[in-house]
Amino acid sequence: MKCPECKGKNISKRGKRYNKSQTKQLYLCNNCNIKFVEQNGFERMRYKKENIVRAIHLHNEGLSLFQVKDHLWQHDGVKVSRETIREWCNKYSLFLK
């Protein structure tokens, strides 16, 4: 792992960052004193990445946006709009191809 700012490899762990959807390891660059977290492609998402991946998978399998929304609500208790699912599909479908 490298520092996103100075690209140095002299980093150390500095606690964890918590939010509703996940916990991430915080790192500190010992060269430039920048705190950062490792990027995983799901930055600034309000929902758990497992739910996002499941929604995209269900939609790619042929379910409509309404059916995906209904499935997430019934099986996982996740309340999400069809528009949000559509935006997830547009954003992450590039990575699946």
N, C-alpha and C. Protein backbone atom coordinates (compact mmCIF):
# COMPACT_ATOMS: atom_id res chain seq x y z
N MET A 1 0.83 -1.17 0.00
CA MET A 1 0.00 0.00 0.00
C MET A 1 0.88 1.24 0.00
N LYS A 2 0.42 2.26 -0.72
CA LYS A 2 1.17 3.51 -0.82
C LYS A 2 0.30 4.68 -0.38
N CYS A 3 0.95 5.74 0.06
CA CYS A 3 0.26 6.97 0.42
C CYS A 3 -0.31 7.60 -0.85
N PRO A 4 -1.58 8.00 -0.85
CA PRO A 4 -2.16 8.61 -2.05
C PRO A 4 -1.57 9.98 -2.35
N GLU A 5 -0.97 10.62 -1.36
CA GLU A 5 -0.43 11.96 -1.54
C GLU A 5 1.00 11.95 -2.06
N CYS A 6 1.92 11.31 -1.30
CA CYS A 6 3.35 11.35 -1.65
C CYS A 6 3.84 10.04 -2.27
N LYS A 7 2.98 9.03 -2.35
CA LYS A 7 3.30 7.71 -2.92
C LYS A 7 4.35 6.95 -2.11
N GLY A 8 4.58 7.38 -0.86
CA GLY A 8 5.54 6.70 0.00
C GLY A 8 4.97 5.42 0.58
N LYS A 9 5.85 4.51 0.96
CA LYS A 9 5.44 3.23 1.53
C LYS A 9 5.62 3.17 3.05
N ASN A 10 6.07 4.26 3.65
CA ASN A 10 6.32 4.32 5.09
C ASN A 10 5.02 4.72 5.79
N ILE A 11 4.10 3.74 5.96
CA ILE A 11 2.80 4.02 6.55
C ILE A 11 2.58 3.14 7.78
N SER A 12 1.66 3.59 8.64
CA SER A 12 1.32 2.81 9.84
C SER A 12 -0.18 2.91 10.08
N LYS A 13 -0.72 1.93 10.80
CA LYS A 13 -2.14 1.92 11.13
C LYS A 13 -2.41 2.96 12.21
N ARG A 14 -3.54 3.65 12.08
CA ARG A 14 -3.91 4.69 13.04
C ARG A 14 -5.39 4.62 13.42
N GLY A 15 -5.84 3.46 13.86
CA GLY A 15 -7.22 3.33 14.32
C GLY A 15 -8.16 2.92 13.20
N LYS A 16 -9.44 3.13 13.45
CA LYS A 16 -10.46 2.75 12.48
C LYS A 16 -11.46 3.87 12.31
N ARG A 17 -12.10 3.90 11.14
CA ARG A 17 -13.15 4.86 10.85
C ARG A 17 -14.46 4.09 10.80
N TYR A 18 -15.44 4.55 11.52
CA TYR A 18 -16.72 3.85 11.61
C TYR A 18 -17.82 4.69 10.97
N ASN A 19 -18.74 4.01 10.27
CA ASN A 19 -19.99 4.63 9.84
C ASN A 19 -21.07 3.54 9.82
N LYS A 20 -22.26 3.88 9.37
CA LYS A 20 -23.36 2.93 9.43
C LYS A 20 -23.12 1.68 8.60
N SER A 21 -22.49 1.83 7.46
CA SER A 21 -22.40 0.71 6.54
C SER A 21 -21.14 -0.14 6.70
N GLN A 22 -20.06 0.44 7.22
CA GLN A 22 -18.83 -0.36 7.30
C GLN A 22 -17.80 0.29 8.23
N THR A 23 -16.80 -0.49 8.57
CA THR A 23 -15.66 -0.02 9.34
C THR A 23 -14.42 -0.14 8.46
N LYS A 24 -13.62 0.91 8.43
CA LYS A 24 -12.42 0.89 7.60
C LYS A 24 -11.19 1.22 8.44
N GLN A 25 -10.08 0.62 8.05
CA GLN A 25 -8.80 0.86 8.71
C GLN A 25 -8.25 2.22 8.29
N LEU A 26 -7.86 3.05 9.26
CA LEU A 26 -7.21 4.32 8.98
C LEU A 26 -5.70 4.11 8.96
N TYR A 27 -5.03 4.79 8.06
CA TYR A 27 -3.58 4.73 7.94
C TYR A 27 -2.99 6.13 8.04
N LEU A 28 -1.74 6.19 8.47
CA LEU A 28 -1.02 7.46 8.56
C LEU A 28 0.28 7.32 7.79
N CYS A 29 0.53 8.26 6.91
CA CYS A 29 1.80 8.30 6.19
C CYS A 29 2.82 8.97 7.09
N ASN A 30 3.90 8.28 7.38
CA ASN A 30 4.92 8.83 8.26
C ASN A 30 5.81 9.86 7.56
N ASN A 31 5.72 9.95 6.24
CA ASN A 31 6.49 10.94 5.50
C ASN A 31 5.80 12.30 5.47
N CYS A 32 4.50 12.31 5.12
CA CYS A 32 3.79 13.58 4.94
C CYS A 32 2.68 13.80 5.98
N ASN A 33 2.52 12.89 6.94
CA ASN A 33 1.53 13.00 8.03
C ASN A 33 0.09 13.15 7.53
N ILE A 34 -0.25 12.44 6.47
CA ILE A 34 -1.61 12.43 5.94
C ILE A 34 -2.32 11.18 6.41
N LYS A 35 -3.55 11.34 6.93
CA LYS A 35 -4.36 10.18 7.27
C LYS A 35 -5.21 9.82 6.07
N PHE A 36 -5.37 8.51 5.83
CA PHE A 36 -6.16 8.07 4.69
C PHE A 36 -6.68 6.66 4.95
N VAL A 37 -7.66 6.26 4.15
CA VAL A 37 -8.19 4.89 4.18
C VAL A 37 -7.93 4.27 2.81
N GLU A 38 -7.85 2.96 2.79
CA GLU A 38 -7.64 2.25 1.53
C GLU A 38 -8.90 2.35 0.67
N GLN A 39 -8.74 2.66 -0.58
CA GLN A 39 -9.86 2.80 -1.51
C GLN A 39 -10.33 1.44 -1.98
N ASN A 40 -11.67 1.23 -2.01
CA ASN A 40 -12.20 -0.06 -2.47
C ASN A 40 -13.27 0.08 -3.54
N GLY A 41 -13.54 1.29 -4.02
CA GLY A 41 -14.54 1.50 -5.06
C GLY A 41 -15.92 1.80 -4.52
N PHE A 42 -16.13 1.71 -3.23
CA PHE A 42 -17.44 1.97 -2.64
C PHE A 42 -17.38 3.18 -1.70
N GLU A 43 -16.57 4.18 -2.05
CA GLU A 43 -16.45 5.36 -1.23
C GLU A 43 -17.74 6.19 -1.33
N ARG A 44 -18.10 6.80 -0.23
CA ARG A 44 -19.24 7.70 -0.14
C ARG A 44 -20.57 7.02 -0.45
N MET A 45 -20.67 5.73 -0.14
CA MET A 45 -21.91 4.98 -0.32
C MET A 45 -22.62 4.84 1.02
N ARG A 46 -23.93 5.01 1.01
CA ARG A 46 -24.70 4.92 2.25
C ARG A 46 -25.11 3.50 2.58
N TYR A 47 -25.04 2.62 1.62
CA TYR A 47 -25.47 1.23 1.81
C TYR A 47 -24.25 0.32 1.83
N LYS A 48 -24.42 -0.84 2.43
CA LYS A 48 -23.33 -1.81 2.48
C LYS A 48 -23.01 -2.30 1.08
N LYS A 49 -21.74 -2.56 0.84
CA LYS A 49 -21.33 -2.98 -0.50
C LYS A 49 -21.96 -4.31 -0.89
N GLU A 50 -22.25 -5.17 0.10
CA GLU A 50 -22.90 -6.45 -0.20
C GLU A 50 -24.28 -6.23 -0.80
N ASN A 51 -25.02 -5.24 -0.27
CA ASN A 51 -26.34 -4.94 -0.80
C ASN A 51 -26.27 -4.33 -2.19
N ILE A 52 -25.28 -3.50 -2.42
CA ILE A 52 -25.11 -2.89 -3.74
C ILE A 52 -24.79 -3.96 -4.78
N VAL A 53 -23.86 -4.86 -4.44
CA VAL A 53 -23.47 -5.92 -5.36
C VAL A 53 -24.65 -6.85 -5.63
N ARG A 54 -25.42 -7.17 -4.59
CA ARG A 54 -26.59 -8.04 -4.77
C ARG A 54 -27.62 -7.39 -5.69
N ALA A 55 -27.86 -6.09 -5.51
CA ALA A 55 -28.83 -5.38 -6.35
C ALA A 55 -28.39 -5.39 -7.81
N ILE A 56 -27.13 -5.13 -8.06
CA ILE A 56 -26.62 -5.13 -9.44
C ILE A 56 -26.72 -6.53 -10.04
N HIS A 57 -26.36 -7.54 -9.25
CA HIS A 57 -26.42 -8.92 -9.73
C HIS A 57 -27.86 -9.31 -10.10
N LEU A 58 -28.81 -8.99 -9.23
CA LEU A 58 -30.21 -9.33 -9.50
C LEU A 58 -30.71 -8.62 -10.75
N HIS A 59 -30.34 -7.37 -10.91
CA HIS A 59 -30.78 -6.63 -12.10
C HIS A 59 -30.14 -7.21 -13.37
N ASN A 60 -28.88 -7.59 -13.30
CA ASN A 60 -28.22 -8.19 -14.47
C ASN A 60 -28.77 -9.57 -14.79
N GLU A 61 -29.35 -10.24 -13.79
CA GLU A 61 -29.97 -11.55 -14.02
C GLU A 61 -31.34 -11.44 -14.67
N GLY A 62 -31.85 -10.22 -14.82
CA GLY A 62 -33.10 -10.03 -15.54
C GLY A 62 -34.26 -9.49 -14.72
N LEU A 63 -34.07 -9.27 -13.42
CA LEU A 63 -35.14 -8.70 -12.62
C LEU A 63 -35.27 -7.20 -12.92
N SER A 64 -36.50 -6.72 -12.85
CA SER A 64 -36.73 -5.29 -13.07
C SER A 64 -36.26 -4.52 -11.84
N LEU A 65 -36.15 -3.21 -11.98
CA LEU A 65 -35.73 -2.38 -10.85
C LEU A 65 -36.72 -2.50 -9.70
N PHE A 66 -38.01 -2.58 -10.02
CA PHE A 66 -39.02 -2.74 -8.97
C PHE A 66 -38.86 -4.08 -8.26
N GLN A 67 -38.59 -5.13 -9.01
CA GLN A 67 -38.41 -6.46 -8.41
C GLN A 67 -37.17 -6.50 -7.53
N VAL A 68 -36.10 -5.85 -7.97
CA VAL A 68 -34.87 -5.79 -7.16
C VAL A 68 -35.14 -5.03 -5.87
N LYS A 69 -35.82 -3.89 -6.00
CA LYS A 69 -36.16 -3.08 -4.82
C LYS A 69 -36.99 -3.91 -3.84
N ASP A 70 -37.98 -4.62 -4.35
CA ASP A 70 -38.85 -5.44 -3.52
C ASP A 70 -38.07 -6.58 -2.86
N HIS A 71 -37.17 -7.21 -3.60
CA HIS A 71 -36.36 -8.30 -3.07
C HIS A 71 -35.46 -7.83 -1.93
N LEU A 72 -34.80 -6.69 -2.12
CA LEU A 72 -33.93 -6.15 -1.07
C LEU A 72 -34.72 -5.83 0.19
N TRP A 73 -35.93 -5.30 0.02
CA TRP A 73 -36.75 -4.96 1.17
C TRP A 73 -37.22 -6.21 1.91
N GLN A 74 -37.69 -7.22 1.16
CA GLN A 74 -38.25 -8.41 1.78
C GLN A 74 -37.19 -9.31 2.42
N HIS A 75 -36.05 -9.46 1.77
CA HIS A 75 -35.05 -10.42 2.24
C HIS A 75 -33.98 -9.80 3.14
N ASP A 76 -33.66 -8.52 2.91
CA ASP A 76 -32.57 -7.90 3.66
C ASP A 76 -33.01 -6.75 4.54
N GLY A 77 -34.26 -6.30 4.38
CA GLY A 77 -34.73 -5.15 5.15
C GLY A 77 -34.11 -3.85 4.72
N VAL A 78 -33.65 -3.78 3.47
CA VAL A 78 -32.99 -2.59 2.94
C VAL A 78 -34.00 -1.82 2.10
N LYS A 79 -34.25 -0.58 2.49
CA LYS A 79 -35.19 0.26 1.76
C LYS A 79 -34.38 1.17 0.84
N VAL A 80 -34.53 0.95 -0.45
CA VAL A 80 -33.77 1.71 -1.44
C VAL A 80 -34.68 2.00 -2.63
N SER A 81 -34.46 3.11 -3.30
CA SER A 81 -35.32 3.47 -4.43
C SER A 81 -34.84 2.82 -5.72
N ARG A 82 -35.74 2.75 -6.69
CA ARG A 82 -35.37 2.19 -8.01
C ARG A 82 -34.33 3.07 -8.68
N GLU A 83 -34.44 4.38 -8.48
CA GLU A 83 -33.47 5.31 -9.08
C GLU A 83 -32.06 5.04 -8.55
N THR A 84 -31.94 4.77 -7.27
CA THR A 84 -30.64 4.48 -6.67
C THR A 84 -30.06 3.20 -7.24
N ILE A 85 -30.90 2.18 -7.40
CA ILE A 85 -30.44 0.91 -7.98
C ILE A 85 -29.97 1.14 -9.42
N ARG A 86 -30.71 1.95 -10.17
CA ARG A 86 -30.33 2.25 -11.56
C ARG A 86 -28.97 2.96 -11.60
N GLU A 87 -28.76 3.90 -10.68
CA GLU A 87 -27.48 4.61 -10.63
C GLU A 87 -26.33 3.67 -10.26
N TRP A 88 -26.59 2.74 -9.33
CA TRP A 88 -25.56 1.74 -9.00
C TRP A 88 -25.20 0.92 -10.23
N CYS A 89 -26.21 0.48 -10.97
CA CYS A 89 -25.96 -0.33 -12.17
C CYS A 89 -25.15 0.44 -13.19
N ASN A 90 -25.47 1.71 -13.39
CA ASN A 90 -24.72 2.53 -14.34
C ASN A 90 -23.28 2.74 -13.88
N LYS A 91 -23.09 2.96 -12.59
CA LYS A 91 -21.76 3.25 -12.08
C LYS A 91 -20.86 2.02 -12.08
N TYR A 92 -21.38 0.88 -11.63
CA TYR A 92 -20.54 -0.29 -11.43
C TYR A 92 -20.59 -1.29 -12.57
N SER A 93 -21.45 -1.10 -13.56
CA SER A 93 -21.50 -2.03 -14.68
C SER A 93 -20.23 -1.94 -15.53
N LEU A 94 -19.58 -0.81 -15.51
CA LEU A 94 -18.32 -0.65 -16.27
C LEU A 94 -17.27 -1.60 -15.73
N PHE A 95 -17.28 -1.86 -14.40
CA PHE A 95 -16.29 -2.73 -13.80
C PHE A 95 -16.58 -4.19 -14.08
N LEU A 96 -17.84 -4.53 -14.38
CA LEU A 96 -18.23 -5.91 -14.57
C LEU A 96 -17.95 -6.39 -15.99
N LYS A 97 -17.77 -5.48 -16.93
CA LYS A 97 -17.59 -5.87 -18.33
C LYS A 97 -16.16 -6.20 -18.66
